Structure formats: C-alpha cells, structure tokens
PDB file of N, CA and C in Angstrom:
ATOM      1  N   UNK A   1     195.337 125.533 127.658  1.00  0.00           N
ATOM      2  CA  UNK A   1     194.093 125.183 127.083  1.00  0.00           C
ATOM      3  C   UNK A   1     194.256 124.341 125.847  1.00  0.00           C
ATOM      4  N   UNK A   2     193.314 123.462 125.546  1.00  0.00           N
ATOM      5  CA  UNK A   2     193.300 122.534 124.564  1.00  0.00           C
ATOM      6  C   UNK A   2     193.210 123.268 123.171  1.00  0.00           C
ATOM      7  N   UNK A   3     193.813 122.669 122.192  1.00  0.00           N
ATOM      8  CA  UNK A   3     193.808 123.239 120.844  1.00  0.00           C
ATOM      9  C   UNK A   3     192.513 123.283 120.252  1.00  0.00           C
ATOM     10  N   UNK A   4     191.671 122.290 120.515  1.00  0.00           N
ATOM     11  CA  UNK A   4     190.306 122.162 119.936  1.00  0.00           C
ATOM     12  C   UNK A   4     189.357 122.171 121.095  1.00  0.00           C
ATOM     13  N   UNK A   5     188.159 122.766 120.757  1.00  0.00           N
ATOM     14  CA  UNK A   5     187.177 122.893 121.816  1.00  0.00           C
ATOM     15  C   UNK A   5     186.485 121.565 122.291  1.00  0.00           C
ATOM     16  N   UNK A   6     186.742 120.449 121.448  1.00  0.00           N
ATOM     17  CA  UNK A   6     186.202 119.217 121.813  1.00  0.00           C
ATOM     18  C   UNK A   6     187.174 118.261 122.575  1.00  0.00           C
ATOM     19  N   UNK A   7     188.336 118.790 122.779  1.00  0.00           N
ATOM     20  CA  UNK A   7     189.438 118.112 123.548  1.00  0.00           C
ATOM     21  C   UNK A   7     189.043 117.910 124.954  1.00  0.00           C
ATOM     22  N   UNK A   8     189.376 116.929 125.652  1.00  0.00           N
ATOM     23  CA  UNK A   8     189.047 116.692 126.970  1.00  0.00           C
ATOM     24  C   UNK A   8     189.887 117.680 127.871  1.00  0.00           C
ATOM     25  N   UNK A   9     189.385 118.006 129.039  1.00  0.00           N
ATOM     26  CA  UNK A   9     190.170 118.880 129.950  1.00  0.00           C
ATOM     27  C   UNK A   9     191.347 118.253 130.410  1.00  0.00           C
ATOM     28  N   UNK A  10     192.421 119.022 130.647  1.00  0.00           N
ATOM     29  CA  UNK A  10     193.705 118.498 131.171  1.00  0.00           C
ATOM     30  C   UNK A  10     193.696 118.658 132.658  1.00  0.00           C
ATOM     31  N   UNK A  11     194.043 117.497 133.270  1.00  0.00           N
ATOM     32  CA  UNK A  11     194.097 117.451 134.801  1.00  0.00           C
ATOM     33  C   UNK A  11     195.444 117.042 135.210  1.00  0.00           C
ATOM     34  N   UNK A  12     195.908 117.668 136.267  1.00  0.00           N
ATOM     35  CA  UNK A  12     197.221 117.315 136.837  1.00  0.00           C
ATOM     36  C   UNK A  12     197.067 115.856 137.399  1.00  0.00           C
ATOM     37  N   UNK A  13     198.329 115.173 137.393  1.00  0.00           N
ATOM     38  CA  UNK A  13     198.322 113.820 138.076  1.00  0.00           C
ATOM     39  C   UNK A  13     197.995 114.016 139.591  1.00  0.00           C
ATOM     40  N   UNK A  14     197.342 113.035 140.095  1.00  0.00           N
ATOM     41  CA  UNK A  14     197.152 113.058 141.601  1.00  0.00           C
ATOM     42  C   UNK A  14     198.346 112.426 142.222  1.00  0.00           C
ATOM     43  N   UNK A  15     198.874 113.043 143.297  1.00  0.00           N
ATOM     44  CA  UNK A  15     200.099 112.464 143.954  1.00  0.00           C
ATOM     45  C   UNK A  15     199.589 111.125 144.606  1.00  0.00           C
ATOM     46  N   UNK A  16     200.545 110.208 144.633  1.00  0.00           N
ATOM     47  CA  UNK A  16     200.297 108.907 145.346  1.00  0.00           C
ATOM     48  C   UNK A  16     200.873 108.936 146.626  1.00  0.00           C
ATOM     49  N   UNK A  17     200.132 108.778 147.804  1.00  0.00           N
ATOM     50  CA  UNK A  17     200.589 108.820 149.079  1.00  0.00           C
ATOM     51  C   UNK A  17     200.749 107.381 149.489  1.00  0.00           C
ATOM     52  N   UNK A  18     201.877 106.727 149.647  1.00  0.00           N
ATOM     53  CA  UNK A  18     202.087 105.346 149.819  1.00  0.00           C
ATOM     54  C   UNK A  18     201.866 105.074 151.373  1.00  0.00           C
ATOM     55  N   UNK A  19     201.251 103.818 151.502  1.00  0.00           N
ATOM     56  CA  UNK A  19     201.095 103.407 152.836  1.00  0.00           C
ATOM     57  C   UNK A  19     202.370 102.848 153.415  1.00  0.00           C
ATOM     58  N   UNK A  20     202.623 103.135 154.783  1.00  0.00           N
ATOM     59  CA  UNK A  20     203.791 102.624 155.363  1.00  0.00           C
ATOM     60  C   UNK A  20     203.686 101.190 155.647  1.00  0.00           C
ATOM     61  N   UNK A  21     204.754 100.465 155.350  1.00  0.00           N
ATOM     62  CA  UNK A  21     204.866  99.045 155.534  1.00  0.00           C
ATOM     63  C   UNK A  21     205.983  98.646 156.472  1.00  0.00           C
ATOM     64  N   UNK A  22     205.621  97.504 157.266  1.00  0.00           N
ATOM     65  CA  UNK A  22     206.585  96.942 158.096  1.00  0.00           C
ATOM     66  C   UNK A  22     207.912  96.434 157.379  1.00  0.00           C
ATOM     67  N   UNK A  23     209.042  96.557 157.857  1.00  0.00           N
ATOM     68  CA  UNK A  23     210.315  95.897 157.143  1.00  0.00           C
ATOM     69  C   UNK A  23     210.146  94.407 157.175  1.00  0.00           C
ATOM     70  N   UNK A  24     210.634  93.823 156.038  1.00  0.00           N
ATOM     71  CA  UNK A  24     210.403  92.481 155.855  1.00  0.00           C
ATOM     72  C   UNK A  24     211.058  91.547 156.945  1.00  0.00           C
ATOM     73  N   UNK A  25     212.143  92.055 157.626  1.00  0.00           N
ATOM     74  CA  UNK A  25     212.763  91.300 158.607  1.00  0.00           C
ATOM     75  C   UNK A  25     211.919  91.149 159.935  1.00  0.00           C
ATOM     76  N   UNK A  26     210.893  92.029 160.070  1.00  0.00           N
ATOM     77  CA  UNK A  26     209.998  91.853 161.184  1.00  0.00           C
ATOM     78  C   UNK A  26     208.777  91.046 160.847  1.00  0.00           C
ATOM     79  N   UNK A  27     208.479  90.624 159.660  1.00  0.00           N
ATOM     80  CA  UNK A  27     207.328  89.983 159.333  1.00  0.00           C
ATOM     81  C   UNK A  27     207.291  88.564 159.735  1.00  0.00           C
ATOM     82  N   UNK A  28     208.427  87.822 159.727  1.00  0.00           N
ATOM     83  CA  UNK A  28     208.376  86.417 160.222  1.00  0.00           C
ATOM     84  C   UNK A  28     208.132  85.507 158.931  1.00  0.00           C
ATOM     85  N   UNK A  29     207.477  84.317 159.117  1.00  0.00           N
ATOM     86  CA  UNK A  29     207.164  83.318 158.130  1.00  0.00           C
ATOM     87  C   UNK A  29     205.645  83.521 157.678  1.00  0.00           C
ATOM     88  N   UNK A  30     205.500  84.277 156.518  1.00  0.00           N
ATOM     89  CA  UNK A  30     204.153  84.417 156.124  1.00  0.00           C
ATOM     90  C   UNK A  30     203.526  83.193 155.429  1.00  0.00           C
ATOM     91  N   UNK A  31     202.270  83.072 155.386  1.00  0.00           N
ATOM     92  CA  UNK A  31     201.574  82.000 154.654  1.00  0.00           C
ATOM     93  C   UNK A  31     200.386  82.758 153.990  1.00  0.00           C
ATOM     94  N   UNK A  32     200.130  82.185 152.750  1.00  0.00           N
ATOM     95  CA  UNK A  32     199.166  82.980 151.873  1.00  0.00           C
ATOM     96  C   UNK A  32     197.661  82.875 152.439  1.00  0.00           C
ATOM     97  N   UNK A  33     196.797  83.792 152.222  1.00  0.00           N
ATOM     98  CA  UNK A  33     195.358  83.755 152.633  1.00  0.00           C
ATOM     99  C   UNK A  33     194.572  83.557 151.285  1.00  0.00           C
ATOM    100  N   UNK A  34     193.999  82.363 151.187  1.00  0.00           N
ATOM    101  CA  UNK A  34     193.365  82.132 149.851  1.00  0.00           C
ATOM    102  C   UNK A  34     192.014  81.593 150.186  1.00  0.00           C
ATOM    103  N   UNK A  35     190.962  82.169 149.776  1.00  0.00           N
ATOM    104  CA  UNK A  35     190.970  83.439 148.948  1.00  0.00           C
ATOM    105  C   UNK A  35     191.139  84.642 149.823  1.00  0.00           C
ATOM    106  N   UNK A  36     191.507  85.836 149.306  1.00  0.00           N
ATOM    107  CA  UNK A  36     191.815  86.948 150.126  1.00  0.00           C
ATOM    108  C   UNK A  36     190.626  87.303 151.026  1.00  0.00           C
ATOM    109  N   UNK A  37     190.847  87.759 152.170  1.00  0.00           N
ATOM    110  CA  UNK A  37     189.914  87.972 153.191  1.00  0.00           C
ATOM    111  C   UNK A  37     189.636  89.534 153.396  1.00  0.00           C
ATOM    112  N   UNK A  38     188.414  90.013 153.271  1.00  0.00           N
ATOM    113  CA  UNK A  38     188.118  91.410 153.540  1.00  0.00           C
ATOM    114  C   UNK A  38     188.445  91.751 155.036  1.00  0.00           C
ATOM    115  N   UNK A  39     189.196  92.870 155.257  1.00  0.00           N
ATOM    116  CA  UNK A  39     189.627  93.178 156.523  1.00  0.00           C
ATOM    117  C   UNK A  39     189.536  94.771 156.589  1.00  0.00           C
ATOM    118  N   UNK A  40     189.685  95.314 157.796  1.00  0.00           N
ATOM    119  CA  UNK A  40     189.746  96.768 157.972  1.00  0.00           C
ATOM    120  C   UNK A  40     191.067  97.022 158.756  1.00  0.00           C
ATOM    121  N   UNK A  41     191.904  97.898 158.237  1.00  0.00           N
ATOM    122  CA  UNK A  41     193.139  98.309 158.928  1.00  0.00           C
ATOM    123  C   UNK A  41     192.887  99.516 159.698  1.00  0.00           C
ATOM    124  N   UNK A  42     193.265  99.528 161.008  1.00  0.00           N
ATOM    125  CA  UNK A  42     193.021 100.685 161.882  1.00  0.00           C
ATOM    126  C   UNK A  42     194.382 101.280 162.111  1.00  0.00           C
ATOM    127  N   UNK A  43     194.315 102.748 161.842  1.00  0.00           N
ATOM    128  CA  UNK A  43     195.405 103.558 162.184  1.00  0.00           C
ATOM    129  C   UNK A  43     196.591 103.324 161.117  1.00  0.00           C
ATOM    130  N   UNK A  44     196.231 103.154 159.883  1.00  0.00           N
ATOM    131  CA  UNK A  44     197.301 103.057 158.826  1.00  0.00           C
ATOM    132  C   UNK A  44     197.895 104.423 158.474  1.00  0.00           C
ATOM    133  N   UNK A  45     199.185 104.405 158.475  1.00  0.00           N
ATOM    134  CA  UNK A  45     199.845 105.658 158.225  1.00  0.00           C
ATOM    135  C   UNK A  45     200.243 105.774 156.844  1.00  0.00           C
ATOM    136  N   UNK A  46     199.984 106.952 156.183  1.00  0.00           N
ATOM    137  CA  UNK A  46     200.369 107.129 154.801  1.00  0.00           C
ATOM    138  C   UNK A  46     201.412 108.293 154.832  1.00  0.00           C
ATOM    139  N   UNK A  47     202.343 108.252 153.856  1.00  0.00           N
ATOM    140  CA  UNK A  47     203.308 109.303 153.732  1.00  0.00           C
ATOM    141  C   UNK A  47     202.614 110.643 153.476  1.00  0.00           C
ATOM    142  N   UNK A  48     203.096 111.604 154.018  1.00  0.00           N
ATOM    143  CA  UNK A  48     202.680 113.062 153.881  1.00  0.00           C
ATOM    144  C   UNK A  48     201.353 113.418 154.380  1.00  0.00           C
ATOM    145  N   UNK A  49     200.461 112.396 154.603  1.00  0.00           N
ATOM    146  CA  UNK A  49     199.085 112.813 155.186  1.00  0.00           C
ATOM    147  C   UNK A  49     198.828 112.377 156.488  1.00  0.00           C
ATOM    148  N   UNK A  50     199.596 111.425 156.976  1.00  0.00           N
ATOM    149  CA  UNK A  50     199.425 110.935 158.353  1.00  0.00           C
ATOM    150  C   UNK A  50     198.651 109.710 158.558  1.00  0.00           C
ATOM    151  N   UNK A  51     197.882 109.521 159.593  1.00  0.00           N
ATOM    152  CA  UNK A  51     197.199 108.279 159.952  1.00  0.00           C
ATOM    153  C   UNK A  51     195.759 108.438 159.546  1.00  0.00           C
ATOM    154  N   UNK A  52     195.300 107.320 158.859  1.00  0.00           N
ATOM    155  CA  UNK A  52     193.782 107.126 158.577  1.00  0.00           C
ATOM    156  C   UNK A  52     193.245 106.220 159.516  1.00  0.00           C
ATOM    157  N   UNK A  53     192.173 106.553 160.151  1.00  0.00           N
ATOM    158  CA  UNK A  53     191.528 105.759 161.226  1.00  0.00           C
ATOM    159  C   UNK A  53     191.187 104.437 160.839  1.00  0.00           C
ATOM    160  N   UNK A  54     190.449 104.312 159.650  1.00  0.00           N
ATOM    161  CA  UNK A  54     190.120 102.908 159.113  1.00  0.00           C
ATOM    162  C   UNK A  54     190.244 102.921 157.691  1.00  0.00           C
ATOM    163  N   UNK A  55     190.855 101.821 157.109  1.00  0.00           N
ATOM    164  CA  UNK A  55     191.063 101.656 155.698  1.00  0.00           C
ATOM    165  C   UNK A  55     190.489 100.198 155.388  1.00  0.00           C
ATOM    166  N   UNK A  56     189.674 100.133 154.463  1.00  0.00           N
ATOM    167  CA  UNK A  56     189.198  98.822 154.072  1.00  0.00           C
ATOM    168  C   UNK A  56     190.221  98.170 153.055  1.00  0.00           C
ATOM    169  N   UNK A  57     190.465  96.890 153.315  1.00  0.00           N
ATOM    170  CA  UNK A  57     191.529  96.222 152.479  1.00  0.00           C
ATOM    171  C   UNK A  57     191.202  94.826 152.420  1.00  0.00           C
ATOM    172  N   UNK A  58     192.067  94.039 151.699  1.00  0.00           N
ATOM    173  CA  UNK A  58     191.969  92.564 151.581  1.00  0.00           C
ATOM    174  C   UNK A  58     193.240  92.022 152.196  1.00  0.00           C
ATOM    175  N   UNK A  59     193.164  91.023 153.005  1.00  0.00           N
ATOM    176  CA  UNK A  59     194.391  90.319 153.476  1.00  0.00           C
ATOM    177  C   UNK A  59     194.765  89.186 152.464  1.00  0.00           C
ATOM    178  N   UNK A  60     195.985  89.154 152.021  1.00  0.00           N
ATOM    179  CA  UNK A  60     196.402  88.181 151.033  1.00  0.00           C
ATOM    180  C   UNK A  60     197.520  87.311 151.660  1.00  0.00           C
ATOM    181  N   UNK A  61     198.072  87.638 152.774  1.00  0.00           N
ATOM    182  CA  UNK A  61     199.174  86.827 153.528  1.00  0.00           C
ATOM    183  C   UNK A  61     199.161  87.267 154.858  1.00  0.00           C
ATOM    184  N   UNK A  62     199.652  86.300 155.761  1.00  0.00           N
ATOM    185  CA  UNK A  62     199.779  86.682 157.226  1.00  0.00           C
ATOM    186  C   UNK A  62     200.860  85.916 157.822  1.00  0.00           C
ATOM    187  N   UNK A  63     201.307  86.475 158.898  1.00  0.00           N
ATOM    188  CA  UNK A  63     202.231  85.706 159.707  1.00  0.00           C
ATOM    189  C   UNK A  63     201.853  85.920 161.158  1.00  0.00           C
ATOM    190  N   UNK A  64     202.640  85.461 162.079  1.00  0.00           N
ATOM    191  CA  UNK A  64     202.282  85.598 163.576  1.00  0.00           C
ATOM    192  C   UNK A  64     202.278  87.163 164.039  1.00  0.00           C
ATOM    193  N   UNK A  65     202.957  87.983 163.328  1.00  0.00           N
ATOM    194  CA  UNK A  65     203.038  89.351 163.759  1.00  0.00           C
ATOM    195  C   UNK A  65     202.480  90.390 162.726  1.00  0.00           C
ATOM    196  N   UNK A  66     202.306  89.967 161.548  1.00  0.00           N
ATOM    197  CA  UNK A  66     201.845  91.042 160.491  1.00  0.00           C
ATOM    198  C   UNK A  66     200.924  90.357 159.432  1.00  0.00           C
ATOM    199  N   UNK A  67     200.199  91.281 158.705  1.00  0.00           N
ATOM    200  CA  UNK A  67     199.285  90.876 157.722  1.00  0.00           C
ATOM    201  C   UNK A  67     199.665  91.637 156.410  1.00  0.00           C
ATOM    202  N   UNK A  68     199.763  90.938 155.247  1.00  0.00           N
ATOM    203  CA  UNK A  68     200.063  91.633 153.985  1.00  0.00           C
ATOM    204  C   UNK A  68     198.670  91.991 153.350  1.00  0.00           C
ATOM    205  N   UNK A  69     198.383  93.317 153.338  1.00  0.00           N
ATOM    206  CA  UNK A  69     197.053  93.727 152.732  1.00  0.00           C
ATOM    207  C   UNK A  69     197.241  94.405 151.428  1.00  0.00           C
ATOM    208  N   UNK A  70     196.107  94.290 150.667  1.00  0.00           N
ATOM    209  CA  UNK A  70     196.045  95.012 149.384  1.00  0.00           C
ATOM    210  C   UNK A  70     194.927  96.177 149.605  1.00  0.00           C
ATOM    211  N   UNK A  71     195.348  97.395 149.261  1.00  0.00           N
ATOM    212  CA  UNK A  71     194.505  98.556 149.472  1.00  0.00           C
ATOM    213  C   UNK A  71     194.092  99.169 148.094  1.00  0.00           C
ATOM    214  N   UNK A  72     192.899  99.443 147.855  1.00  0.00           N
ATOM    215  CA  UNK A  72     192.531 100.286 146.670  1.00  0.00           C
ATOM    216  C   UNK A  72     192.271 101.637 147.114  1.00  0.00           C
ATOM    217  N   UNK A  73     193.220 102.437 147.258  1.00  0.00           N
ATOM    218  CA  UNK A  73     193.061 103.783 147.690  1.00  0.00           C
ATOM    219  C   UNK A  73     193.581 104.753 146.771  1.00  0.00           C
ATOM    220  N   UNK A  74     192.940 105.924 146.591  1.00  0.00           N
ATOM    221  CA  UNK A  74     193.295 106.933 145.577  1.00  0.00           C
ATOM    222  C   UNK A  74     193.185 106.251 144.203  1.00  0.00           C
ATOM    223  N   UNK A  75     192.406 105.261 144.002  1.00  0.00           N
ATOM    224  CA  UNK A  75     192.175 104.641 142.685  1.00  0.00           C
ATOM    225  C   UNK A  75     193.372 103.804 142.181  1.00  0.00           C
ATOM    226  N   UNK A  76     194.245 103.490 143.088  1.00  0.00           N
ATOM    227  CA  UNK A  76     195.465 102.661 142.744  1.00  0.00           C
ATOM    228  C   UNK A  76     195.643 101.474 143.833  1.00  0.00           C
ATOM    229  N   UNK A  77     196.089 100.369 143.356  1.00  0.00           N
ATOM    230  CA  UNK A  77     196.351  99.261 144.208  1.00  0.00           C
ATOM    231  C   UNK A  77     197.632  99.580 144.964  1.00  0.00           C
ATOM    232  N   UNK A  78     197.563  99.363 146.311  1.00  0.00           N
ATOM    233  CA  UNK A  78     198.736  99.468 147.098  1.00  0.00           C
ATOM    234  C   UNK A  78     198.853  98.333 147.980  1.00  0.00           C
ATOM    235  N   UNK A  79     199.974  97.961 148.403  1.00  0.00           N
ATOM    236  CA  UNK A  79     200.230  96.805 149.197  1.00  0.00           C
ATOM    237  C   UNK A  79     201.175  97.234 150.399  1.00  0.00           C
ATOM    238  N   UNK A  80     200.871  96.675 151.597  1.00  0.00           N
ATOM    239  CA  UNK A  80     201.699  96.936 152.740  1.00  0.00           C
ATOM    240  C   UNK A  80     201.598  95.782 153.825  1.00  0.00           C
ATOM    241  N   UNK A  81     202.687  95.576 154.497  1.00  0.00           N
ATOM    242  CA  UNK A  81     202.680  94.761 155.650  1.00  0.00           C
ATOM    243  C   UNK A  81     202.434  95.537 156.930  1.00  0.00           C
ATOM    244  N   UNK A  82     201.191  95.197 157.553  1.00  0.00           N
ATOM    245  CA  UNK A  82     200.762  96.000 158.757  1.00  0.00           C
ATOM    246  C   UNK A  82     200.830  95.056 159.993  1.00  0.00           C
ATOM    247  N   UNK A  83     200.932  95.649 161.202  1.00  0.00           N
ATOM    248  CA  UNK A  83     200.892  94.778 162.351  1.00  0.00           C
ATOM    249  C   UNK A  83     199.475  94.181 162.436  1.00  0.00           C
ATOM    250  N   UNK A  84     199.659  92.848 162.898  1.00  0.00           N
ATOM    251  CA  UNK A  84     198.531  92.041 162.901  1.00  0.00           C
ATOM    252  C   UNK A  84     197.400  92.501 163.960  1.00  0.00           C
ATOM    253  N   UNK A  85     197.830  93.300 165.082  1.00  0.00           N
ATOM    254  CA  UNK A  85     196.820  93.734 165.932  1.00  0.00           C
ATOM    255  C   UNK A  85     196.056  94.990 165.538  1.00  0.00           C
ATOM    256  N   UNK A  86     196.461  95.458 164.333  1.00  0.00           N
ATOM    257  CA  UNK A  86     195.757  96.714 163.724  1.00  0.00           C
ATOM    258  C   UNK A  86     194.713  96.205 162.729  1.00  0.00           C
ATOM    259  N   UNK A  87     194.529  94.965 162.470  1.00  0.00           N
ATOM    260  CA  UNK A  87     193.686  94.439 161.532  1.00  0.00           C
ATOM    261  C   UNK A  87     192.426  93.662 162.159  1.00  0.00           C
ATOM    262  N   UNK A  88     191.207  93.966 161.598  1.00  0.00           N
ATOM    263  CA  UNK A  88     190.021  93.186 162.120  1.00  0.00           C
ATOM    264  C   UNK A  88     189.366  92.759 160.747  1.00  0.00           C
ATOM    265  N   UNK A  89     188.652  91.634 160.967  1.00  0.00           N
ATOM    266  CA  UNK A  89     187.963  91.001 159.788  1.00  0.00           C
ATOM    267  C   UNK A  89     186.589  91.729 159.693  1.00  0.00           C
ATOM    268  N   UNK A  90     186.225  91.873 158.348  1.00  0.00           N
ATOM    269  CA  UNK A  90     184.957  92.549 158.106  1.00  0.00           C
ATOM    270  C   UNK A  90     184.190  91.609 157.142  1.00  0.00           C
ATOM    271  N   UNK A  91     182.839  91.803 157.044  1.00  0.00           N
ATOM    272  CA  UNK A  91     182.062  90.993 156.129  1.00  0.00           C
ATOM    273  C   UNK A  91     181.607  91.909 154.933  1.00  0.00           C
ATOM    274  N   UNK A  92     181.592  91.267 153.772  1.00  0.00           N
ATOM    275  CA  UNK A  92     181.118  92.064 152.622  1.00  0.00           C
ATOM    276  C   UNK A  92     179.591  91.979 152.673  1.00  0.00           C
ATOM    277  N   UNK A  93     178.955  93.037 152.069  1.00  0.00           N
ATOM    278  CA  UNK A  93     177.526  93.032 151.953  1.00  0.00           C
ATOM    279  C   UNK A  93     177.126  92.084 150.843  1.00  0.00           C
ATOM    280  N   UNK A  94     176.019  91.402 151.004  1.00  0.00           N
ATOM    281  CA  UNK A  94     175.493  90.361 150.131  1.00  0.00           C
ATOM    282  C   UNK A  94     175.065  91.205 148.836  1.00  0.00           C
ATOM    283  N   UNK A  95     175.373  90.610 147.623  1.00  0.00           N
ATOM    284  CA  UNK A  95     174.976  91.171 146.296  1.00  0.00           C
ATOM    285  C   UNK A  95     173.491  90.904 146.152  1.00  0.00           C
ATOM    286  N   UNK A  96     172.836  91.726 145.448  1.00  0.00           N
ATOM    287  CA  UNK A  96     171.365  91.459 144.994  1.00  0.00           C
ATOM    288  C   UNK A  96     171.195  90.865 143.798  1.00  0.00           C
TER     289      UNK A  96
END
C-alpha cells in the first residue's frame, strides 16, 4: 500500500509476449516500403499465448518471401518478419 492516500495505485508490469519472427537467413533481399502500408497479419504466433487469428500492423519492408511488420500490441511496438502469404493489405478509415 502507498505511504500516502493520494499516491497512485501500484500495478505490476504487464509481461511482453513477443511475436515470433522468421530467421534472417530465410528473408531474402528486402526492400523498404515507403510510406509504411497498413496490413493484417493472419495467424501470427506469440510466445506463451499461441496464435492470434488477425493482427493489424504496418508493413515497413518486404522481400519475395517475407514482410517486415511493425505491430503495436500490448501498448508496445514490436517488429517481426512474417511469411508473405500470411499478410493482406487493409485500408485505413478516412478521418473526419
């Protein structure tokens, strides 16, 4: 318990479950995606929790076999190389 009644509550740190990434030797010759493209990654595996059906991300590089995606999951930026056939392009909603 906090020493003073106006102290903020104490919360334990949330564990970070990292997305599994392809080994760099399987990526090939990547090229940057500029500007980053909104994508959905299907079947992305995370350590300790398993596979998530769909994860929204941004593609920042790609090769013939893989896409390098940036994911904002659990409130933290994560990056992973994922197989190209698990990625589909998505459209962002227009701002008002």
